[in-house]
Amino acid sequence: MKEIKAFIKPSRVTNVVEALEKAGFESLTLSKGEGTGTHERPDATLDLEFFFTNSKVIKLELVCQNEETEKAIQLICKNARSPEPGDGIIYVTEIVSASRIKTGESLKRFNL
């Protein structure tokens, strides 16, 4: 299994989530955040509460089977892309184990 973390612009979240859900990716987590990156908005200001450049971002987290990973990445890229710079970044990590809390049942379908 893989965990995909995508840091995307808030204005693109609806497009990305709808595309993923339409393709069968149902369990997503979204978090609001602020961060810095290689692109800095000209109107960005320091946020004294967080001490980061005030660049709003949404972190989308998704766990999927190995064979579904590339499809999810392609959907995120296609639907998060905008005409402006600083569209975000995607990280993929290996999930060693995943189980349902209520039943203890493993979420892995295959040992790939």
C-alpha atoms as a PDB file:
ATOM      1  CA  MET A   1       0.000   0.000   0.000  1.00  0.00           C
ATOM      2  CA  LYS A   2       1.028   3.604  -0.580  1.00  0.00           C
ATOM      3  CA  GLU A   3       0.242   6.878   1.138  1.00  0.00           C
ATOM      4  CA  ILE A   4      -0.075   9.874  -1.149  1.00  0.00           C
ATOM      5  CA  LYS A   5       0.278  13.364   0.306  1.00  0.00           C
ATOM      6  CA  ALA A   6      -0.520  16.177  -2.092  1.00  0.00           C
ATOM      7  CA  PHE A   7      -0.078  19.839  -1.184  1.00  0.00           C
ATOM      8  CA  ILE A   8      -2.386  21.795  -3.472  1.00  0.00           C
ATOM      9  CA  LYS A   9      -3.936  25.231  -3.882  1.00  0.00           C
ATOM     10  CA  PRO A  10      -7.246  25.717  -2.055  1.00  0.00           C
ATOM     11  CA  SER A  11      -8.887  26.865  -5.297  1.00  0.00           C
ATOM     12  CA  ARG A  12      -8.193  23.455  -6.897  1.00  0.00           C
ATOM     13  CA  VAL A  13      -9.412  21.192  -4.065  1.00  0.00           C
ATOM     14  CA  THR A  14     -12.959  20.685  -5.343  1.00  0.00           C
ATOM     15  CA  ASN A  15     -11.719  19.606  -8.791  1.00  0.00           C
ATOM     16  CA  VAL A  16      -9.214  17.158  -7.305  1.00  0.00           C
ATOM     17  CA  VAL A  17     -11.602  15.606  -4.771  1.00  0.00           C
ATOM     18  CA  GLU A  18     -14.411  15.211  -7.316  1.00  0.00           C
ATOM     19  CA  ALA A  19     -12.069  13.533  -9.816  1.00  0.00           C
ATOM     20  CA  LEU A  20     -10.682  11.148  -7.196  1.00  0.00           C
ATOM     21  CA  GLU A  21     -14.150  10.236  -5.905  1.00  0.00           C
ATOM     22  CA  LYS A  22     -15.439   9.681  -9.446  1.00  0.00           C
ATOM     23  CA  ALA A  23     -12.508   7.285 -10.022  1.00  0.00           C
ATOM     24  CA  GLY A  24     -13.380   5.319  -6.873  1.00  0.00           C
ATOM     25  CA  PHE A  25     -10.994   6.860  -4.329  1.00  0.00           C
ATOM     26  CA  GLU A  26     -13.415   7.425  -1.462  1.00  0.00           C
ATOM     27  CA  SER A  27     -11.340   7.835   1.692  1.00  0.00           C
ATOM     28  CA  LEU A  28      -9.514  11.162   1.643  1.00  0.00           C
ATOM     29  CA  THR A  29      -8.314  13.468   4.385  1.00  0.00           C
ATOM     30  CA  LEU A  30      -8.027  17.213   3.827  1.00  0.00           C
ATOM     31  CA  SER A  31      -6.170  19.617   6.116  1.00  0.00           C
ATOM     32  CA  LYS A  32      -5.688  23.382   5.879  1.00  0.00           C
ATOM     33  CA  GLY A  33      -2.197  24.718   6.267  1.00  0.00           C
ATOM     34  CA  GLU A  34       0.311  27.398   5.473  1.00  0.00           C
ATOM     35  CA  GLY A  35       3.763  26.897   4.125  1.00  0.00           C
ATOM     36  CA  THR A  36       6.697  27.990   2.099  1.00  0.00           C
ATOM     37  CA  GLY A  37       8.038  26.693  -1.162  1.00  0.00           C
ATOM     38  CA  THR A  38      10.005  27.641  -4.224  1.00  0.00           C
ATOM     39  CA  HIS A  39       7.194  29.939  -5.393  1.00  0.00           C
ATOM     40  CA  GLU A  40       6.567  33.006  -3.283  1.00  0.00           C
ATOM     41  CA  ARG A  41       3.498  35.114  -3.938  1.00  0.00           C
ATOM     42  CA  PRO A  42       4.253  38.829  -4.343  1.00  0.00           C
ATOM     43  CA  ASP A  43       1.468  39.655  -1.852  1.00  0.00           C
ATOM     44  CA  ALA A  44       2.657  37.114   0.773  1.00  0.00           C
ATOM     45  CA  THR A  45       3.232  38.348   4.292  1.00  0.00           C
ATOM     46  CA  LEU A  46       4.706  36.801   7.386  1.00  0.00           C
ATOM     47  CA  ASP A  47       2.143  35.290   9.721  1.00  0.00           C
ATOM     48  CA  LEU A  48       3.405  35.926  13.234  1.00  0.00           C
ATOM     49  CA  GLU A  49       1.364  33.059  14.639  1.00  0.00           C
ATOM     50  CA  PHE A  50       3.043  30.446  12.440  1.00  0.00           C
ATOM     51  CA  PHE A  51       6.209  32.282  11.315  1.00  0.00           C
ATOM     52  CA  PHE A  52       5.691  31.087   7.738  1.00  0.00           C
ATOM     53  CA  THR A  53       5.159  32.926   4.524  1.00  0.00           C
ATOM     54  CA  ASN A  54       1.418  33.304   4.317  1.00  0.00           C
ATOM     55  CA  SER A  55       0.832  30.847   1.495  1.00  0.00           C
ATOM     56  CA  LYS A  56      -2.399  28.895   1.960  1.00  0.00           C
ATOM     57  CA  VAL A  57      -2.263  25.217   1.075  1.00  0.00           C
ATOM     58  CA  ILE A  58      -4.462  22.157   1.420  1.00  0.00           C
ATOM     59  CA  LYS A  59      -2.868  18.821   2.299  1.00  0.00           C
ATOM     60  CA  LEU A  60      -4.729  15.908   0.763  1.00  0.00           C
ATOM     61  CA  GLU A  61      -3.910  12.480   2.170  1.00  0.00           C
ATOM     62  CA  LEU A  62      -4.934   9.253   0.497  1.00  0.00           C
ATOM     63  CA  VAL A  63      -3.953   5.629   1.138  1.00  0.00           C
ATOM     64  CA  CYS A  64      -4.377   3.235  -1.762  1.00  0.00           C
ATOM     65  CA  GLN A  65      -3.260  -0.124  -3.080  1.00  0.00           C
ATOM     66  CA  ASN A  66       0.068  -0.187  -4.937  1.00  0.00           C
ATOM     67  CA  GLU A  67      -1.549  -0.711  -8.330  1.00  0.00           C
ATOM     68  CA  GLU A  68      -3.820   2.341  -7.853  1.00  0.00           C
ATOM     69  CA  THR A  69      -1.022   4.782  -7.015  1.00  0.00           C
ATOM     70  CA  GLU A  70      -0.131   6.018 -10.497  1.00  0.00           C
ATOM     71  CA  LYS A  71      -3.783   6.586 -11.412  1.00  0.00           C
ATOM     72  CA  ALA A  72      -4.306   8.701  -8.266  1.00  0.00           C
ATOM     73  CA  ILE A  73      -1.168  10.751  -8.952  1.00  0.00           C
ATOM     74  CA  GLN A  74      -2.240  11.422 -12.546  1.00  0.00           C
ATOM     75  CA  LEU A  75      -5.715  12.526 -11.418  1.00  0.00           C
ATOM     76  CA  ILE A  76      -4.267  14.857  -8.786  1.00  0.00           C
ATOM     77  CA  CYS A  77      -1.793  16.398 -11.249  1.00  0.00           C
ATOM     78  CA  LYS A  78      -4.414  16.873 -13.957  1.00  0.00           C
ATOM     79  CA  ASN A  79      -6.962  18.469 -11.636  1.00  0.00           C
ATOM     80  CA  ALA A  80      -4.646  20.501  -9.374  1.00  0.00           C
ATOM     81  CA  ARG A  81      -2.778  22.177 -12.247  1.00  0.00           C
ATOM     82  CA  SER A  82      -3.460  25.882 -12.728  1.00  0.00           C
ATOM     83  CA  PRO A  83      -2.141  28.640 -15.013  1.00  0.00           C
ATOM     84  CA  GLU A  84      -0.292  30.247 -12.075  1.00  0.00           C
ATOM     85  CA  PRO A  85       3.043  29.083 -10.614  1.00  0.00           C
ATOM     86  CA  GLY A  86       3.225  27.145  -7.355  1.00  0.00           C
ATOM     87  CA  ASP A  87       0.699  24.362  -7.984  1.00  0.00           C
ATOM     88  CA  GLY A  88       2.130  22.166  -5.228  1.00  0.00           C
ATOM     89  CA  ILE A  89       3.871  18.856  -4.752  1.00  0.00           C
ATOM     90  CA  ILE A  90       3.041  15.180  -4.225  1.00  0.00           C
ATOM     91  CA  TYR A  91       4.854  12.739  -1.939  1.00  0.00           C
ATOM     92  CA  VAL A  92       4.386   8.961  -1.980  1.00  0.00           C
ATOM     93  CA  THR A  93       5.448   6.706   0.886  1.00  0.00           C
ATOM     94  CA  GLU A  94       5.177   2.990   1.578  1.00  0.00           C
ATOM     95  CA  ILE A  95       2.579   1.813   4.107  1.00  0.00           C
ATOM     96  CA  VAL A  96       3.816  -1.181   6.065  1.00  0.00           C
ATOM     97  CA  SER A  97       0.501  -1.956   7.717  1.00  0.00           C
ATOM     98  CA  ALA A  98      -3.048  -0.578   7.827  1.00  0.00           C
ATOM     99  CA  SER A  99      -5.974  -1.954   9.833  1.00  0.00           C
ATOM    100  CA  ARG A 100      -9.520  -0.935  10.664  1.00  0.00           C
ATOM    101  CA  ILE A 101      -9.817   0.208  14.278  1.00  0.00           C
ATOM    102  CA  LYS A 102     -13.208  -1.434  14.881  1.00  0.00           C
ATOM    103  CA  THR A 103     -12.370  -4.901  13.505  1.00  0.00           C
ATOM    104  CA  GLY A 104      -8.574  -5.046  13.312  1.00  0.00           C
ATOM    105  CA  GLU A 105      -9.029  -6.205   9.717  1.00  0.00           C
ATOM    106  CA  SER A 106      -6.072  -5.507   7.416  1.00  0.00           C
ATOM    107  CA  LEU A 107      -6.711  -3.042   4.611  1.00  0.00           C
ATOM    108  CA  LYS A 108      -4.072  -4.566   2.349  1.00  0.00           C
ATOM    109  CA  ARG A 109      -5.577  -6.479  -0.548  1.00  0.00           C
ATOM    110  CA  PHE A 110      -2.292  -7.748  -1.955  1.00  0.00           C
ATOM    111  CA  ASN A 111       1.243  -8.298  -0.693  1.00  0.00           C
ATOM    112  CA  LEU A 112       2.967  -6.265  -3.401  1.00  0.00           C
END
